[in-house]
Amino acid sequence: QVQLVESGRGLVQPGGSLRLSCTASGSLGSIYQLAWYRQAPGKQRELVASITTGGDTNYGDSVKGRFTISRDGAENTVYLQMNSLKPGDTAVYLCFGLTGLAAYWGQGTQVSVPS
């Protein structure tokens, strides 16, 4: 079992920055990928960014060049640094962890960028 807890919710003005954190606990040795997804009202959940244990990263097209995912293995934490935020980034951001047997989700944290 893996538990994921997000932090860093906030209301940010357009052009501003925010960093989200997700701390994992439980069977950490089995996790090989951590990621951030987001879901806006009325829209499908979409991948924001992912990172593997080897450090390989992948980003959704809408956030490339603005968001950065990183991982602190010692603290079992994955970060999402979000810069140049836009109203279209408003969503609930969810942490995701993948093992060989199962996928795990955090509860989500709200990010709001007013227009």
N, C-alpha and C. Protein backbone atom coordinates (compact mmCIF):
# COMPACT_ATOMS: atom_id res chain seq x y z
N GLN A 1 0.83 -1.20 0.00
CA GLN A 1 0.00 0.00 0.00
C GLN A 1 0.86 1.25 0.00
N VAL A 2 0.39 2.26 -0.71
CA VAL A 2 1.08 3.54 -0.78
C VAL A 2 0.07 4.63 -0.47
N GLN A 3 0.48 5.58 0.35
CA GLN A 3 -0.36 6.74 0.63
C GLN A 3 0.33 7.99 0.08
N LEU A 4 -0.46 8.85 -0.54
CA LEU A 4 0.05 10.07 -1.15
C LEU A 4 -0.70 11.26 -0.57
N VAL A 5 0.05 12.25 -0.07
CA VAL A 5 -0.56 13.44 0.53
C VAL A 5 0.00 14.68 -0.14
N GLU A 6 -0.89 15.46 -0.75
CA GLU A 6 -0.48 16.67 -1.45
C GLU A 6 -0.54 17.86 -0.51
N SER A 7 0.25 18.88 -0.83
CA SER A 7 0.18 20.16 -0.15
C SER A 7 0.58 21.24 -1.13
N GLY A 8 0.19 22.50 -0.80
CA GLY A 8 0.57 23.62 -1.62
C GLY A 8 -0.56 24.28 -2.39
N ARG A 9 -1.80 24.01 -1.98
CA ARG A 9 -2.92 24.62 -2.68
C ARG A 9 -2.88 26.13 -2.57
N GLY A 10 -3.50 26.81 -3.57
CA GLY A 10 -3.51 28.25 -3.44
C GLY A 10 -4.21 28.97 -4.57
N LEU A 11 -4.43 30.24 -4.33
CA LEU A 11 -4.96 31.17 -5.32
C LEU A 11 -3.80 32.04 -5.77
N VAL A 12 -3.51 32.01 -7.06
CA VAL A 12 -2.35 32.70 -7.60
C VAL A 12 -2.78 33.57 -8.77
N GLN A 13 -2.26 34.77 -8.82
CA GLN A 13 -2.57 35.67 -9.93
C GLN A 13 -1.91 35.20 -11.23
N PRO A 14 -2.48 35.50 -12.37
CA PRO A 14 -1.86 35.11 -13.65
C PRO A 14 -0.42 35.59 -13.72
N GLY A 15 0.43 34.72 -14.20
CA GLY A 15 1.84 35.03 -14.27
C GLY A 15 2.62 34.66 -13.03
N GLY A 16 1.93 34.27 -11.99
CA GLY A 16 2.57 33.92 -10.74
C GLY A 16 3.08 32.49 -10.70
N SER A 17 3.62 32.10 -9.56
CA SER A 17 4.21 30.78 -9.39
C SER A 17 3.66 30.12 -8.14
N LEU A 18 3.73 28.80 -8.15
CA LEU A 18 3.29 28.02 -7.00
C LEU A 18 4.00 26.68 -7.05
N ARG A 19 4.35 26.14 -5.88
CA ARG A 19 4.97 24.82 -5.84
C ARG A 19 4.08 23.87 -5.06
N LEU A 20 3.77 22.75 -5.67
CA LEU A 20 3.01 21.70 -5.02
C LEU A 20 3.97 20.60 -4.56
N SER A 21 3.61 19.97 -3.45
CA SER A 21 4.39 18.86 -2.93
C SER A 21 3.49 17.65 -2.73
N CYS A 22 4.06 16.48 -2.89
CA CYS A 22 3.34 15.24 -2.63
C CYS A 22 4.30 14.31 -1.90
N THR A 23 3.94 13.93 -0.70
CA THR A 23 4.77 13.05 0.10
C THR A 23 4.16 11.65 0.13
N ALA A 24 4.99 10.68 -0.20
CA ALA A 24 4.54 9.29 -0.25
C ALA A 24 4.96 8.54 1.01
N SER A 25 4.12 7.65 1.45
CA SER A 25 4.45 6.79 2.58
C SER A 25 3.90 5.40 2.29
N GLY A 26 4.40 4.42 3.01
CA GLY A 26 3.96 3.04 2.79
C GLY A 26 5.05 2.24 2.10
N SER A 27 4.64 1.43 1.14
CA SER A 27 5.56 0.54 0.44
C SER A 27 6.29 1.30 -0.66
N LEU A 28 7.20 2.17 -0.23
CA LEU A 28 7.84 3.09 -1.17
C LEU A 28 8.75 2.39 -2.15
N GLY A 29 9.32 1.27 -1.74
CA GLY A 29 10.26 0.60 -2.62
C GLY A 29 9.64 0.09 -3.89
N SER A 30 8.33 0.00 -3.91
CA SER A 30 7.65 -0.54 -5.08
C SER A 30 7.26 0.53 -6.09
N ILE A 31 7.40 1.80 -5.74
CA ILE A 31 6.99 2.87 -6.64
C ILE A 31 8.04 3.06 -7.72
N TYR A 32 7.63 3.05 -8.99
CA TYR A 32 8.60 3.36 -10.03
C TYR A 32 8.24 4.60 -10.83
N GLN A 33 7.06 5.15 -10.58
CA GLN A 33 6.72 6.41 -11.23
C GLN A 33 5.82 7.23 -10.30
N LEU A 34 6.10 8.52 -10.24
CA LEU A 34 5.22 9.48 -9.58
C LEU A 34 4.83 10.53 -10.60
N ALA A 35 3.64 11.05 -10.45
CA ALA A 35 3.16 12.00 -11.45
C ALA A 35 2.15 12.96 -10.82
N TRP A 36 1.89 14.03 -11.54
CA TRP A 36 0.82 14.96 -11.23
C TRP A 36 -0.17 14.94 -12.39
N TYR A 37 -1.44 14.82 -12.04
CA TYR A 37 -2.53 14.98 -12.97
C TYR A 37 -3.36 16.18 -12.50
N ARG A 38 -4.22 16.65 -13.37
CA ARG A 38 -5.14 17.70 -12.95
C ARG A 38 -6.51 17.47 -13.59
N GLN A 39 -7.50 17.97 -12.90
CA GLN A 39 -8.87 17.88 -13.42
C GLN A 39 -9.60 19.17 -13.15
N ALA A 40 -10.03 19.80 -14.22
CA ALA A 40 -10.82 21.02 -14.13
C ALA A 40 -12.30 20.65 -14.24
N PRO A 41 -13.18 21.50 -13.73
CA PRO A 41 -14.62 21.21 -13.80
C PRO A 41 -15.07 20.98 -15.24
N GLY A 42 -15.76 19.88 -15.45
CA GLY A 42 -16.29 19.58 -16.78
C GLY A 42 -15.28 19.06 -17.78
N LYS A 43 -14.05 18.83 -17.33
CA LYS A 43 -13.01 18.35 -18.25
C LYS A 43 -12.46 17.02 -17.78
N GLN A 44 -11.83 16.31 -18.71
CA GLN A 44 -11.22 15.04 -18.35
C GLN A 44 -9.94 15.26 -17.56
N ARG A 45 -9.60 14.27 -16.76
CA ARG A 45 -8.34 14.32 -16.03
C ARG A 45 -7.20 14.23 -17.05
N GLU A 46 -6.17 15.04 -16.86
CA GLU A 46 -5.06 15.04 -17.81
C GLU A 46 -3.73 14.99 -17.08
N LEU A 47 -2.76 14.38 -17.75
CA LEU A 47 -1.42 14.32 -17.21
C LEU A 47 -0.78 15.70 -17.25
N VAL A 48 -0.20 16.10 -16.13
CA VAL A 48 0.57 17.34 -16.07
C VAL A 48 2.05 17.01 -16.27
N ALA A 49 2.56 16.11 -15.43
CA ALA A 49 3.98 15.75 -15.51
C ALA A 49 4.21 14.44 -14.77
N SER A 50 5.21 13.70 -15.18
CA SER A 50 5.56 12.44 -14.51
C SER A 50 7.07 12.34 -14.40
N ILE A 51 7.50 11.53 -13.43
CA ILE A 51 8.93 11.29 -13.24
C ILE A 51 9.12 9.86 -12.76
N THR A 52 10.11 9.18 -13.32
CA THR A 52 10.39 7.82 -12.93
C THR A 52 11.49 7.78 -11.87
N THR A 53 11.71 6.60 -11.31
CA THR A 53 12.79 6.46 -10.32
C THR A 53 14.14 6.76 -10.96
N GLY A 54 14.24 6.59 -12.25
CA GLY A 54 15.47 6.89 -12.95
C GLY A 54 15.64 8.35 -13.30
N GLY A 55 14.60 9.15 -13.01
CA GLY A 55 14.69 10.58 -13.26
C GLY A 55 14.15 11.01 -14.62
N ASP A 56 13.63 10.08 -15.40
CA ASP A 56 13.04 10.46 -16.68
C ASP A 56 11.73 11.22 -16.45
N THR A 57 11.56 12.31 -17.17
CA THR A 57 10.37 13.14 -16.99
C THR A 57 9.56 13.23 -18.28
N ASN A 58 8.30 13.51 -18.10
CA ASN A 58 7.39 13.70 -19.22
C ASN A 58 6.39 14.78 -18.83
N TYR A 59 6.02 15.66 -19.79
CA TYR A 59 5.12 16.76 -19.50
C TYR A 59 3.97 16.81 -20.49
N GLY A 60 2.83 17.27 -20.00
CA GLY A 60 1.72 17.55 -20.89
C GLY A 60 2.06 18.75 -21.75
N ASP A 61 1.54 18.77 -22.96
CA ASP A 61 1.90 19.83 -23.91
C ASP A 61 1.57 21.22 -23.38
N SER A 62 0.50 21.34 -22.63
CA SER A 62 0.05 22.66 -22.19
C SER A 62 0.93 23.26 -21.09
N VAL A 63 1.80 22.46 -20.50
CA VAL A 63 2.62 22.98 -19.40
C VAL A 63 4.11 22.96 -19.71
N LYS A 64 4.49 22.42 -20.84
CA LYS A 64 5.91 22.35 -21.20
C LYS A 64 6.53 23.74 -21.19
N GLY A 65 7.68 23.83 -20.55
CA GLY A 65 8.39 25.10 -20.48
C GLY A 65 7.95 25.98 -19.32
N ARG A 66 6.86 25.62 -18.65
CA ARG A 66 6.38 26.42 -17.53
C ARG A 66 6.42 25.65 -16.22
N PHE A 67 6.19 24.35 -16.27
CA PHE A 67 6.16 23.53 -15.07
C PHE A 67 7.38 22.62 -15.03
N THR A 68 7.82 22.31 -13.82
CA THR A 68 8.94 21.39 -13.64
C THR A 68 8.63 20.40 -12.53
N ILE A 69 8.78 19.13 -12.83
CA ILE A 69 8.59 18.09 -11.82
C ILE A 69 9.96 17.63 -11.32
N SER A 70 10.06 17.40 -10.03
CA SER A 70 11.30 16.92 -9.45
C SER A 70 10.97 15.99 -8.30
N ARG A 71 11.99 15.25 -7.88
CA ARG A 71 11.75 14.22 -6.86
C ARG A 71 12.89 14.23 -5.86
N ASP A 72 12.55 14.19 -4.60
CA ASP A 72 13.52 14.09 -3.53
C ASP A 72 13.38 12.70 -2.93
N GLY A 73 14.29 11.81 -3.33
CA GLY A 73 14.19 10.44 -2.88
C GLY A 73 14.33 10.29 -1.38
N ALA A 74 15.18 11.12 -0.77
CA ALA A 74 15.41 11.01 0.66
C ALA A 74 14.15 11.36 1.45
N GLU A 75 13.36 12.28 0.92
CA GLU A 75 12.14 12.71 1.62
C GLU A 75 10.90 12.05 1.03
N ASN A 76 11.09 11.19 0.05
CA ASN A 76 9.95 10.52 -0.59
C ASN A 76 8.90 11.52 -1.05
N THR A 77 9.39 12.60 -1.62
CA THR A 77 8.50 13.68 -2.02
C THR A 77 8.72 14.04 -3.48
N VAL A 78 7.62 14.31 -4.17
CA VAL A 78 7.69 14.80 -5.54
C VAL A 78 7.12 16.21 -5.55
N TYR A 79 7.77 17.08 -6.30
CA TYR A 79 7.38 18.49 -6.36
C TYR A 79 6.91 18.84 -7.77
N LEU A 80 6.05 19.82 -7.82
CA LEU A 80 5.66 20.40 -9.09
C LEU A 80 5.81 21.90 -8.97
N GLN A 81 6.83 22.44 -9.61
CA GLN A 81 7.04 23.88 -9.65
C GLN A 81 6.28 24.44 -10.84
N MET A 82 5.35 25.32 -10.58
CA MET A 82 4.50 25.88 -11.64
C MET A 82 4.79 27.37 -11.78
N ASN A 83 5.25 27.77 -12.94
CA ASN A 83 5.55 29.17 -13.23
C ASN A 83 4.65 29.67 -14.35
N SER A 84 4.58 30.98 -14.47
CA SER A 84 3.78 31.61 -15.53
C SER A 84 2.37 31.03 -15.57
N LEU A 85 1.75 30.97 -14.42
CA LEU A 85 0.43 30.36 -14.32
C LEU A 85 -0.61 31.15 -15.10
N LYS A 86 -1.55 30.39 -15.68
CA LYS A 86 -2.61 30.97 -16.49
C LYS A 86 -3.97 30.55 -15.91
N PRO A 87 -5.03 31.28 -16.25
CA PRO A 87 -6.36 30.85 -15.79
C PRO A 87 -6.69 29.42 -16.20
N GLY A 88 -6.20 28.99 -17.34
CA GLY A 88 -6.43 27.63 -17.81
C GLY A 88 -5.76 26.56 -16.96
N ASP A 89 -4.90 26.97 -16.05
CA ASP A 89 -4.26 26.00 -15.14
C ASP A 89 -5.13 25.72 -13.92
N THR A 90 -6.21 26.44 -13.77
CA THR A 90 -7.11 26.22 -12.64
C THR A 90 -7.67 24.81 -12.68
N ALA A 91 -7.45 24.08 -11.59
CA ALA A 91 -7.89 22.68 -11.52
C ALA A 91 -7.57 22.12 -10.15
N VAL A 92 -8.09 20.93 -9.90
CA VAL A 92 -7.62 20.13 -8.77
C VAL A 92 -6.43 19.31 -9.26
N TYR A 93 -5.32 19.43 -8.56
CA TYR A 93 -4.11 18.72 -8.93
C TYR A 93 -3.97 17.50 -8.03
N LEU A 94 -3.79 16.35 -8.68
CA LEU A 94 -3.74 15.09 -7.96
C LEU A 94 -2.38 14.41 -8.14
N CYS A 95 -1.85 13.93 -7.05
CA CYS A 95 -0.62 13.16 -7.09
C CYS A 95 -0.94 11.71 -7.42
N PHE A 96 -0.07 11.09 -8.18
CA PHE A 96 -0.29 9.73 -8.67
C PHE A 96 0.98 8.92 -8.48
N GLY A 97 0.83 7.69 -7.99
CA GLY A 97 1.98 6.81 -7.83
C GLY A 97 1.70 5.46 -8.46
N LEU A 98 2.69 4.94 -9.15
CA LEU A 98 2.51 3.68 -9.88
C LEU A 98 3.53 2.65 -9.42
N THR A 99 3.02 1.47 -9.05
CA THR A 99 3.88 0.35 -8.74
C THR A 99 3.65 -0.74 -9.77
N GLY A 100 4.31 -1.86 -9.63
CA GLY A 100 4.08 -2.94 -10.57
C GLY A 100 2.73 -3.60 -10.42
N LEU A 101 2.06 -3.33 -9.32
CA LEU A 101 0.80 -4.01 -9.03
C LEU A 101 -0.40 -3.09 -9.01
N ALA A 102 -0.20 -1.82 -8.73
CA ALA A 102 -1.36 -0.95 -8.55
C ALA A 102 -1.00 0.50 -8.79
N ALA A 103 -2.06 1.31 -8.94
CA ALA A 103 -1.92 2.75 -9.06
C ALA A 103 -2.59 3.40 -7.86
N TYR A 104 -1.99 4.48 -7.38
CA TYR A 104 -2.49 5.16 -6.18
C TYR A 104 -2.68 6.64 -6.48
N TRP A 105 -3.70 7.21 -5.85
CA TRP A 105 -4.02 8.63 -6.02
C TRP A 105 -4.06 9.33 -4.68
N GLY A 106 -3.61 10.59 -4.68
CA GLY A 106 -3.81 11.43 -3.53
C GLY A 106 -5.20 12.03 -3.56
N GLN A 107 -5.51 12.82 -2.54
CA GLN A 107 -6.85 13.42 -2.43
C GLN A 107 -7.01 14.62 -3.36
N GLY A 108 -5.91 15.23 -3.75
CA GLY A 108 -5.98 16.39 -4.63
C GLY A 108 -5.85 17.70 -3.88
N THR A 109 -5.35 18.69 -4.57
CA THR A 109 -5.22 20.02 -3.98
C THR A 109 -5.63 21.06 -5.03
N GLN A 110 -6.35 22.07 -4.60
CA GLN A 110 -6.93 23.04 -5.53
C GLN A 110 -5.93 24.14 -5.88
N VAL A 111 -5.80 24.41 -7.15
CA VAL A 111 -5.02 25.54 -7.64
C VAL A 111 -5.97 26.42 -8.46
N SER A 112 -6.03 27.68 -8.11
CA SER A 112 -6.93 28.60 -8.79
C SER A 112 -6.15 29.80 -9.31
N VAL A 113 -6.35 30.09 -10.59
CA VAL A 113 -5.71 31.24 -11.23
C VAL A 113 -6.83 32.07 -11.84
N PRO A 114 -7.22 33.17 -11.24
CA PRO A 114 -8.37 33.93 -11.73
C PRO A 114 -8.07 34.63 -13.05
N SER A 115 -9.10 34.81 -13.84
CA SER A 115 -8.93 35.49 -15.13
C SER A 115 -9.12 36.99 -14.98
